[in-house]
Amino acid sequence: MPRHPPPGAPGPFALSDKDALTAFVEGSGLRPLEIQDVECVWRYPDLMTGLRGLAAAGVAVRAAENSSDADVDRVHDAALAPFAKADGSYEIRAVFRWMTAAV
């Protein structure tokens, strides 16, 4: 059975906000040192490689357990479509935020 976050739980990007991330770290008894954003690029040479890559993520495995591999592939195919390049490859860019902290 699918699990859902409890009502009122923060969303998956709640700690993307620098102030929220800093407060979280300080609330854990740590001292924030540095925050940086890092761009990550996923490149897949073709659709099948992209589908295999996305299907390997834990959330995709769980989704397949609750539906089917074909359903997950169908959703991933649609999600990849905007990132298709003229040569048949796919390129997805994302920015991640990380923080170092000390005791």
N, C-alpha and C. Protein backbone atom coordinates (compact mmCIF):
# COMPACT_ATOMS: atom_id res chain seq x y z
N MET A 1 0.84 -1.18 0.00
CA MET A 1 0.00 0.00 0.00
C MET A 1 0.89 1.24 0.00
N PRO A 2 0.60 2.23 -0.85
CA PRO A 2 1.41 3.44 -0.89
C PRO A 2 1.39 4.18 0.45
N ARG A 3 2.54 4.73 0.80
CA ARG A 3 2.63 5.53 2.02
C ARG A 3 2.53 6.99 1.65
N HIS A 4 1.87 7.76 2.49
CA HIS A 4 1.70 9.19 2.25
C HIS A 4 2.27 9.94 3.44
N PRO A 5 2.82 11.14 3.21
CA PRO A 5 3.32 11.92 4.35
C PRO A 5 2.16 12.33 5.25
N PRO A 6 2.44 12.52 6.52
CA PRO A 6 1.37 12.95 7.42
C PRO A 6 0.88 14.34 7.05
N PRO A 7 -0.37 14.66 7.34
CA PRO A 7 -0.88 16.01 7.05
C PRO A 7 0.00 17.07 7.69
N GLY A 8 0.27 18.12 6.95
CA GLY A 8 1.07 19.22 7.46
C GLY A 8 2.58 19.00 7.34
N ALA A 9 3.00 17.84 6.85
CA ALA A 9 4.44 17.58 6.71
C ALA A 9 5.02 18.49 5.62
N PRO A 10 6.27 18.95 5.80
CA PRO A 10 6.87 19.79 4.76
C PRO A 10 7.10 18.99 3.49
N GLY A 11 7.10 19.66 2.37
CA GLY A 11 7.31 19.01 1.08
C GLY A 11 8.77 18.62 0.88
N PRO A 12 9.06 17.92 -0.21
CA PRO A 12 10.41 17.42 -0.44
C PRO A 12 11.45 18.52 -0.67
N PHE A 13 11.01 19.73 -0.98
CA PHE A 13 11.96 20.82 -1.24
C PHE A 13 11.99 21.84 -0.12
N ALA A 14 11.43 21.49 1.04
CA ALA A 14 11.35 22.43 2.16
C ALA A 14 12.72 22.95 2.58
N LEU A 15 13.74 22.11 2.51
CA LEU A 15 15.07 22.54 2.94
C LEU A 15 15.87 23.18 1.81
N SER A 16 15.24 23.45 0.67
CA SER A 16 15.91 24.17 -0.41
C SER A 16 16.10 25.63 -0.05
N ASP A 17 15.24 26.15 0.78
CA ASP A 17 15.35 27.52 1.24
C ASP A 17 16.54 27.64 2.19
N LYS A 18 17.45 28.59 1.93
CA LYS A 18 18.66 28.72 2.75
C LYS A 18 18.34 28.94 4.22
N ASP A 19 17.35 29.77 4.51
CA ASP A 19 17.00 30.03 5.91
C ASP A 19 16.46 28.77 6.59
N ALA A 20 15.63 28.02 5.88
CA ALA A 20 15.07 26.79 6.45
C ALA A 20 16.17 25.76 6.68
N LEU A 21 17.10 25.65 5.74
CA LEU A 21 18.20 24.71 5.88
C LEU A 21 19.09 25.10 7.07
N THR A 22 19.40 26.39 7.17
CA THR A 22 20.22 26.86 8.28
C THR A 22 19.53 26.60 9.61
N ALA A 23 18.24 26.89 9.71
CA ALA A 23 17.50 26.66 10.96
C ALA A 23 17.48 25.18 11.31
N PHE A 24 17.32 24.33 10.32
CA PHE A 24 17.31 22.87 10.54
C PHE A 24 18.65 22.42 11.12
N VAL A 25 19.74 22.87 10.50
CA VAL A 25 21.07 22.47 10.95
C VAL A 25 21.36 23.01 12.34
N GLU A 26 21.03 24.27 12.58
CA GLU A 26 21.25 24.86 13.90
C GLU A 26 20.38 24.15 14.95
N GLY A 27 19.16 23.78 14.59
CA GLY A 27 18.27 23.06 15.50
C GLY A 27 18.78 21.67 15.85
N SER A 28 19.69 21.17 15.02
CA SER A 28 20.30 19.86 15.28
C SER A 28 21.55 19.99 16.15
N GLY A 29 21.86 21.22 16.56
CA GLY A 29 23.04 21.45 17.40
C GLY A 29 24.32 21.62 16.63
N LEU A 30 24.23 21.84 15.33
CA LEU A 30 25.41 22.03 14.50
C LEU A 30 25.56 23.49 14.12
N ARG A 31 26.76 23.85 13.69
CA ARG A 31 27.06 25.21 13.26
C ARG A 31 27.24 25.20 11.74
N PRO A 32 26.38 25.90 11.01
CA PRO A 32 26.53 25.95 9.55
C PRO A 32 27.85 26.60 9.16
N LEU A 33 28.52 26.03 8.18
CA LEU A 33 29.78 26.57 7.70
C LEU A 33 29.65 27.17 6.30
N GLU A 34 29.08 26.42 5.39
CA GLU A 34 29.02 26.86 4.00
C GLU A 34 27.81 26.26 3.31
N ILE A 35 27.20 27.06 2.45
CA ILE A 35 26.10 26.59 1.61
C ILE A 35 26.50 26.86 0.17
N GLN A 36 26.33 25.87 -0.68
CA GLN A 36 26.60 26.06 -2.10
C GLN A 36 25.55 25.36 -2.93
N ASP A 37 25.38 25.87 -4.13
CA ASP A 37 24.52 25.23 -5.12
C ASP A 37 25.42 24.56 -6.15
N VAL A 38 25.05 23.35 -6.55
CA VAL A 38 25.82 22.59 -7.52
C VAL A 38 24.89 22.16 -8.64
N GLU A 39 25.28 22.46 -9.87
CA GLU A 39 24.50 22.01 -11.00
C GLU A 39 24.90 20.58 -11.35
N CYS A 40 23.91 19.73 -11.53
CA CYS A 40 24.14 18.34 -11.94
C CYS A 40 23.43 18.12 -13.27
N VAL A 41 24.09 17.38 -14.13
CA VAL A 41 23.52 17.09 -15.44
C VAL A 41 23.47 15.58 -15.63
N TRP A 42 22.29 15.09 -16.00
CA TRP A 42 22.13 13.68 -16.35
C TRP A 42 22.02 13.63 -17.86
N ARG A 43 22.88 12.84 -18.47
CA ARG A 43 22.84 12.67 -19.92
C ARG A 43 22.58 11.19 -20.22
N TYR A 44 21.60 10.96 -21.04
CA TYR A 44 21.27 9.60 -21.48
C TYR A 44 21.41 9.57 -23.00
N PRO A 45 22.12 8.59 -23.55
CA PRO A 45 22.33 8.57 -25.00
C PRO A 45 21.07 8.24 -25.80
N ASP A 46 20.09 7.62 -25.12
CA ASP A 46 18.85 7.25 -25.81
C ASP A 46 17.75 7.03 -24.77
N LEU A 47 16.54 6.84 -25.25
CA LEU A 47 15.39 6.70 -24.35
C LEU A 47 15.51 5.47 -23.46
N MET A 48 15.93 4.34 -24.01
CA MET A 48 16.00 3.12 -23.20
C MET A 48 16.98 3.28 -22.04
N THR A 49 18.11 3.93 -22.27
CA THR A 49 19.08 4.16 -21.20
C THR A 49 18.49 5.09 -20.15
N GLY A 50 17.77 6.11 -20.60
CA GLY A 50 17.11 7.03 -19.67
C GLY A 50 16.07 6.32 -18.82
N LEU A 51 15.28 5.47 -19.46
CA LEU A 51 14.26 4.73 -18.71
C LEU A 51 14.90 3.80 -17.68
N ARG A 52 15.97 3.12 -18.06
CA ARG A 52 16.67 2.24 -17.10
C ARG A 52 17.25 3.04 -15.94
N GLY A 53 17.84 4.20 -16.26
CA GLY A 53 18.42 5.03 -15.21
C GLY A 53 17.37 5.53 -14.23
N LEU A 54 16.27 6.03 -14.74
CA LEU A 54 15.21 6.54 -13.86
C LEU A 54 14.54 5.42 -13.08
N ALA A 55 14.42 4.24 -13.70
CA ALA A 55 13.76 3.12 -13.03
C ALA A 55 14.59 2.57 -11.86
N ALA A 56 15.88 2.91 -11.82
CA ALA A 56 16.75 2.42 -10.75
C ALA A 56 16.57 3.18 -9.44
N ALA A 57 15.92 4.33 -9.48
CA ALA A 57 15.72 5.12 -8.26
C ALA A 57 14.75 4.41 -7.32
N GLY A 58 14.98 4.55 -6.05
CA GLY A 58 14.15 3.87 -5.05
C GLY A 58 12.67 4.18 -5.19
N VAL A 59 12.34 5.43 -5.48
CA VAL A 59 10.91 5.77 -5.60
C VAL A 59 10.29 5.10 -6.83
N ALA A 60 11.09 4.93 -7.88
CA ALA A 60 10.57 4.25 -9.08
C ALA A 60 10.37 2.76 -8.81
N VAL A 61 11.29 2.17 -8.07
CA VAL A 61 11.13 0.75 -7.71
C VAL A 61 9.85 0.58 -6.90
N ARG A 62 9.63 1.46 -5.95
CA ARG A 62 8.42 1.39 -5.12
C ARG A 62 7.17 1.59 -5.98
N ALA A 63 7.23 2.53 -6.91
CA ALA A 63 6.08 2.77 -7.79
C ALA A 63 5.78 1.52 -8.63
N ALA A 64 6.83 0.87 -9.13
CA ALA A 64 6.62 -0.34 -9.93
C ALA A 64 6.02 -1.46 -9.08
N GLU A 65 6.39 -1.52 -7.81
CA GLU A 65 5.81 -2.53 -6.92
C GLU A 65 4.32 -2.28 -6.71
N ASN A 66 3.90 -1.02 -6.79
CA ASN A 66 2.50 -0.66 -6.58
C ASN A 66 1.70 -0.58 -7.87
N SER A 67 2.36 -0.67 -9.01
CA SER A 67 1.66 -0.67 -10.30
C SER A 67 2.34 -1.70 -11.20
N SER A 68 3.20 -1.23 -12.11
CA SER A 68 3.94 -2.16 -12.97
C SER A 68 5.14 -1.43 -13.56
N ASP A 69 6.10 -2.20 -14.05
CA ASP A 69 7.25 -1.60 -14.72
C ASP A 69 6.78 -0.81 -15.94
N ALA A 70 5.82 -1.35 -16.67
CA ALA A 70 5.31 -0.67 -17.87
C ALA A 70 4.70 0.69 -17.51
N ASP A 71 3.95 0.75 -16.41
CA ASP A 71 3.36 2.02 -15.99
C ASP A 71 4.45 3.03 -15.65
N VAL A 72 5.46 2.59 -14.93
CA VAL A 72 6.56 3.49 -14.56
C VAL A 72 7.31 3.96 -15.81
N ASP A 73 7.58 3.05 -16.74
CA ASP A 73 8.24 3.44 -17.98
C ASP A 73 7.41 4.46 -18.77
N ARG A 74 6.11 4.28 -18.80
CA ARG A 74 5.23 5.19 -19.52
C ARG A 74 5.31 6.60 -18.92
N VAL A 75 5.30 6.68 -17.60
CA VAL A 75 5.38 7.98 -16.93
C VAL A 75 6.76 8.60 -17.14
N HIS A 76 7.80 7.80 -17.03
CA HIS A 76 9.14 8.32 -17.25
C HIS A 76 9.34 8.77 -18.69
N ASP A 77 8.78 8.04 -19.63
CA ASP A 77 8.87 8.43 -21.05
C ASP A 77 8.28 9.82 -21.23
N ALA A 78 7.11 10.05 -20.66
CA ALA A 78 6.47 11.37 -20.76
C ALA A 78 7.30 12.44 -20.05
N ALA A 79 7.90 12.09 -18.89
CA ALA A 79 8.69 13.05 -18.14
C ALA A 79 9.99 13.41 -18.88
N LEU A 80 10.55 12.46 -19.61
CA LEU A 80 11.78 12.71 -20.35
C LEU A 80 11.56 13.51 -21.63
N ALA A 81 10.37 13.45 -22.19
CA ALA A 81 10.09 14.07 -23.49
C ALA A 81 10.58 15.51 -23.61
N PRO A 82 10.35 16.37 -22.62
CA PRO A 82 10.82 17.77 -22.77
C PRO A 82 12.34 17.91 -22.81
N PHE A 83 13.06 16.87 -22.44
CA PHE A 83 14.51 16.95 -22.37
C PHE A 83 15.21 16.28 -23.55
N ALA A 84 14.41 15.88 -24.56
CA ALA A 84 14.95 15.22 -25.74
C ALA A 84 15.76 16.22 -26.57
N LYS A 85 16.87 15.74 -27.10
CA LYS A 85 17.71 16.55 -27.97
C LYS A 85 17.57 16.02 -29.40
N ALA A 86 17.98 16.82 -30.35
CA ALA A 86 17.82 16.47 -31.77
C ALA A 86 18.50 15.16 -32.15
N ASP A 87 19.57 14.80 -31.44
CA ASP A 87 20.30 13.58 -31.78
C ASP A 87 19.72 12.32 -31.12
N GLY A 88 18.58 12.45 -30.42
CA GLY A 88 17.94 11.31 -29.77
C GLY A 88 18.39 11.08 -28.34
N SER A 89 19.32 11.90 -27.86
CA SER A 89 19.75 11.78 -26.47
C SER A 89 18.85 12.64 -25.59
N TYR A 90 19.08 12.54 -24.29
CA TYR A 90 18.30 13.30 -23.32
C TYR A 90 19.27 13.95 -22.35
N GLU A 91 18.96 15.18 -21.95
CA GLU A 91 19.81 15.90 -21.00
C GLU A 91 18.91 16.62 -19.99
N ILE A 92 19.11 16.27 -18.73
CA ILE A 92 18.34 16.88 -17.65
C ILE A 92 19.32 17.64 -16.76
N ARG A 93 19.01 18.90 -16.49
CA ARG A 93 19.84 19.72 -15.61
C ARG A 93 19.07 20.03 -14.33
N ALA A 94 19.77 19.96 -13.22
CA ALA A 94 19.15 20.29 -11.93
C ALA A 94 20.20 20.95 -11.05
N VAL A 95 19.74 21.73 -10.11
CA VAL A 95 20.63 22.37 -9.15
C VAL A 95 20.31 21.83 -7.77
N PHE A 96 21.34 21.40 -7.06
CA PHE A 96 21.19 20.88 -5.71
C PHE A 96 21.91 21.80 -4.74
N ARG A 97 21.37 21.93 -3.57
CA ARG A 97 21.98 22.75 -2.52
C ARG A 97 22.55 21.81 -1.46
N TRP A 98 23.76 22.12 -1.03
CA TRP A 98 24.36 21.36 0.06
C TRP A 98 24.95 22.31 1.07
N MET A 99 25.12 21.80 2.27
CA MET A 99 25.67 22.59 3.36
C MET A 99 26.67 21.75 4.14
N THR A 100 27.77 22.38 4.51
CA THR A 100 28.67 21.75 5.46
C THR A 100 28.42 22.38 6.81
N ALA A 101 28.62 21.59 7.86
CA ALA A 101 28.37 22.07 9.22
C ALA A 101 29.36 21.40 10.17
N ALA A 102 29.50 22.00 11.33
CA ALA A 102 30.42 21.46 12.34
C ALA A 102 29.72 21.41 13.68
N VAL A 103 30.28 20.60 14.55
CA VAL A 103 29.75 20.46 15.91
C VAL A 103 30.13 21.68 16.71
